[in-house]
Amino acid sequence: MNKRNLAFDRTNFILLGIGFAIVIIGFILMSGPGSTEQTFNPDIFSWRRIKLAPVVCFVGFISMIYAIIRKPKDSDGTDETKDAKEDNDVTEQ
């Protein structure tokens, strides 16, 4: 398969993986013990669960969107011009 036909390059996949890991970390920060009908656990309203975890998830989703939208650099065009320049140098000599 030709690399020019792929929509993502290696950097896109790495950024996508990092964003996915950040989202998972945010969901882990949201987890914890809950309240039951017999007892109320005030930890469900902790700063970590209410403010920090949603912001971490949001940052992860934004980084995943960036990874999807990011356009891979076209290295084929530079290689072709470099090859063409080398061919011209050889024919001139």
C-alpha atoms as a PDB file:
ATOM      1  CA  MET A   1       0.000   0.000   0.000  1.00  0.00           C
ATOM      2  CA  ASN A   2       1.288   3.413  -0.917  1.00  0.00           C
ATOM      3  CA  LYS A   3       1.800   5.863   1.959  1.00  0.00           C
ATOM      4  CA  ARG A   4       0.292   8.688  -0.074  1.00  0.00           C
ATOM      5  CA  ASN A   5      -3.110   6.982   0.092  1.00  0.00           C
ATOM      6  CA  LEU A   6      -3.228   7.013   3.899  1.00  0.00           C
ATOM      7  CA  ALA A   7      -5.146   9.800   5.614  1.00  0.00           C
ATOM      8  CA  PHE A   8      -2.989   9.704   8.774  1.00  0.00           C
ATOM      9  CA  ASP A   9       0.723   9.480   9.280  1.00  0.00           C
ATOM     10  CA  ARG A  10       2.609   8.168  12.290  1.00  0.00           C
ATOM     11  CA  THR A  11       2.386  11.478  14.165  1.00  0.00           C
ATOM     12  CA  ASN A  12      -1.406  11.521  13.808  1.00  0.00           C
ATOM     13  CA  PHE A  13      -1.670   8.058  15.337  1.00  0.00           C
ATOM     14  CA  ILE A  14       0.659   8.983  18.201  1.00  0.00           C
ATOM     15  CA  LEU A  15      -1.350  12.135  18.967  1.00  0.00           C
ATOM     16  CA  LEU A  16      -4.574  10.141  18.789  1.00  0.00           C
ATOM     17  CA  GLY A  17      -3.194   7.598  21.260  1.00  0.00           C
ATOM     18  CA  ILE A  18      -2.046  10.327  23.639  1.00  0.00           C
ATOM     19  CA  GLY A  19      -5.475  11.976  23.505  1.00  0.00           C
ATOM     20  CA  PHE A  20      -7.167   8.649  24.152  1.00  0.00           C
ATOM     21  CA  ALA A  21      -4.904   8.042  27.166  1.00  0.00           C
ATOM     22  CA  ILE A  22      -5.730  11.504  28.551  1.00  0.00           C
ATOM     23  CA  VAL A  23      -9.464  10.781  28.249  1.00  0.00           C
ATOM     24  CA  ILE A  24      -9.016   7.461  30.070  1.00  0.00           C
ATOM     25  CA  ILE A  25      -7.093   9.248  32.851  1.00  0.00           C
ATOM     26  CA  GLY A  26      -9.970  11.727  33.161  1.00  0.00           C
ATOM     27  CA  PHE A  27     -12.496   8.918  33.536  1.00  0.00           C
ATOM     28  CA  ILE A  28     -10.298   7.237  36.138  1.00  0.00           C
ATOM     29  CA  LEU A  29     -10.193  10.522  38.068  1.00  0.00           C
ATOM     30  CA  MET A  30     -14.013  10.587  38.007  1.00  0.00           C
ATOM     31  CA  SER A  31     -14.316   7.131  39.491  1.00  0.00           C
ATOM     32  CA  GLY A  32     -14.625   6.376  43.169  1.00  0.00           C
ATOM     33  CA  PRO A  33     -17.051   5.165  45.788  1.00  0.00           C
ATOM     34  CA  GLY A  34     -20.629   6.332  45.513  1.00  0.00           C
ATOM     35  CA  SER A  35     -23.471   6.886  47.913  1.00  0.00           C
ATOM     36  CA  THR A  36     -26.015   4.267  48.886  1.00  0.00           C
ATOM     37  CA  GLU A  37     -29.560   4.614  50.150  1.00  0.00           C
ATOM     38  CA  GLN A  38     -28.386   4.088  53.735  1.00  0.00           C
ATOM     39  CA  THR A  39     -25.299   6.327  53.752  1.00  0.00           C
ATOM     40  CA  PHE A  40     -24.348   9.538  52.010  1.00  0.00           C
ATOM     41  CA  ASN A  41     -20.775   9.847  50.810  1.00  0.00           C
ATOM     42  CA  PRO A  42     -19.770  13.531  50.420  1.00  0.00           C
ATOM     43  CA  ASP A  43     -16.758  12.446  48.354  1.00  0.00           C
ATOM     44  CA  ILE A  44     -18.989  12.337  45.264  1.00  0.00           C
ATOM     45  CA  PHE A  45     -18.818  16.138  45.247  1.00  0.00           C
ATOM     46  CA  SER A  46     -15.024  16.354  45.616  1.00  0.00           C
ATOM     47  CA  TRP A  47     -12.979  18.864  43.640  1.00  0.00           C
ATOM     48  CA  ARG A  48     -11.240  16.055  41.761  1.00  0.00           C
ATOM     49  CA  ARG A  49     -14.479  14.496  40.520  1.00  0.00           C
ATOM     50  CA  ILE A  50     -16.412  17.677  39.770  1.00  0.00           C
ATOM     51  CA  LYS A  51     -13.783  20.024  38.333  1.00  0.00           C
ATOM     52  CA  LEU A  52     -10.482  18.317  37.548  1.00  0.00           C
ATOM     53  CA  ALA A  53     -11.706  15.146  35.808  1.00  0.00           C
ATOM     54  CA  PRO A  54     -14.056  16.860  33.315  1.00  0.00           C
ATOM     55  CA  VAL A  55     -11.333  19.348  32.364  1.00  0.00           C
ATOM     56  CA  VAL A  56      -8.843  16.505  31.814  1.00  0.00           C
ATOM     57  CA  CYS A  57     -11.394  14.665  29.637  1.00  0.00           C
ATOM     58  CA  PHE A  58     -12.113  17.840  27.678  1.00  0.00           C
ATOM     59  CA  VAL A  59      -8.403  18.384  27.007  1.00  0.00           C
ATOM     60  CA  GLY A  60      -8.142  14.772  25.855  1.00  0.00           C
ATOM     61  CA  PHE A  61     -11.068  15.138  23.460  1.00  0.00           C
ATOM     62  CA  ILE A  62      -9.658  18.389  22.067  1.00  0.00           C
ATOM     63  CA  SER A  63      -6.287  16.749  21.473  1.00  0.00           C
ATOM     64  CA  MET A  64      -7.997  13.840  19.702  1.00  0.00           C
ATOM     65  CA  ILE A  65      -9.866  16.282  17.456  1.00  0.00           C
ATOM     66  CA  TYR A  66      -6.574  18.010  16.650  1.00  0.00           C
ATOM     67  CA  ALA A  67      -4.980  14.636  15.834  1.00  0.00           C
ATOM     68  CA  ILE A  68      -7.797  13.879  13.399  1.00  0.00           C
ATOM     69  CA  ILE A  69      -7.805  17.311  11.748  1.00  0.00           C
ATOM     70  CA  ARG A  70      -3.997  17.620  11.499  1.00  0.00           C
ATOM     71  CA  LYS A  71      -2.858  17.281   7.909  1.00  0.00           C
ATOM     72  CA  PRO A  72       0.174  15.037   7.409  1.00  0.00           C
ATOM     73  CA  LYS A  73       3.200  16.658   5.850  1.00  0.00           C
ATOM     74  CA  ASP A  74       3.695  15.692   2.212  1.00  0.00           C
ATOM     75  CA  SER A  75       7.261  14.406   2.048  1.00  0.00           C
ATOM     76  CA  ASP A  76       6.772  12.901  -1.433  1.00  0.00           C
ATOM     77  CA  GLY A  77       6.804  16.277  -3.147  1.00  0.00           C
ATOM     78  CA  THR A  78      10.164  17.201  -1.661  1.00  0.00           C
ATOM     79  CA  ASP A  79      11.673  13.834  -2.584  1.00  0.00           C
ATOM     80  CA  GLU A  80      10.486  14.101  -6.183  1.00  0.00           C
ATOM     81  CA  THR A  81      11.934  17.573  -6.604  1.00  0.00           C
ATOM     82  CA  LYS A  82      15.162  16.400  -5.008  1.00  0.00           C
ATOM     83  CA  ASP A  83      15.322  13.398  -7.373  1.00  0.00           C
ATOM     84  CA  ALA A  84      14.545  15.595 -10.356  1.00  0.00           C
ATOM     85  CA  LYS A  85      17.289  18.025  -9.354  1.00  0.00           C
ATOM     86  CA  GLU A  86      19.783  15.163  -9.045  1.00  0.00           C
ATOM     87  CA  ASP A  87      18.763  13.868 -12.487  1.00  0.00           C
ATOM     88  CA  ASN A  88      19.351  17.320 -13.977  1.00  0.00           C
ATOM     89  CA  ASP A  89      22.795  17.500 -12.351  1.00  0.00           C
ATOM     90  CA  VAL A  90      23.742  14.129 -13.811  1.00  0.00           C
ATOM     91  CA  THR A  91      22.585  15.033 -17.338  1.00  0.00           C
ATOM     92  CA  GLU A  92      24.411  18.375 -17.239  1.00  0.00           C
ATOM     93  CA  GLN A  93      27.766  16.729 -16.520  1.00  0.00           C
END
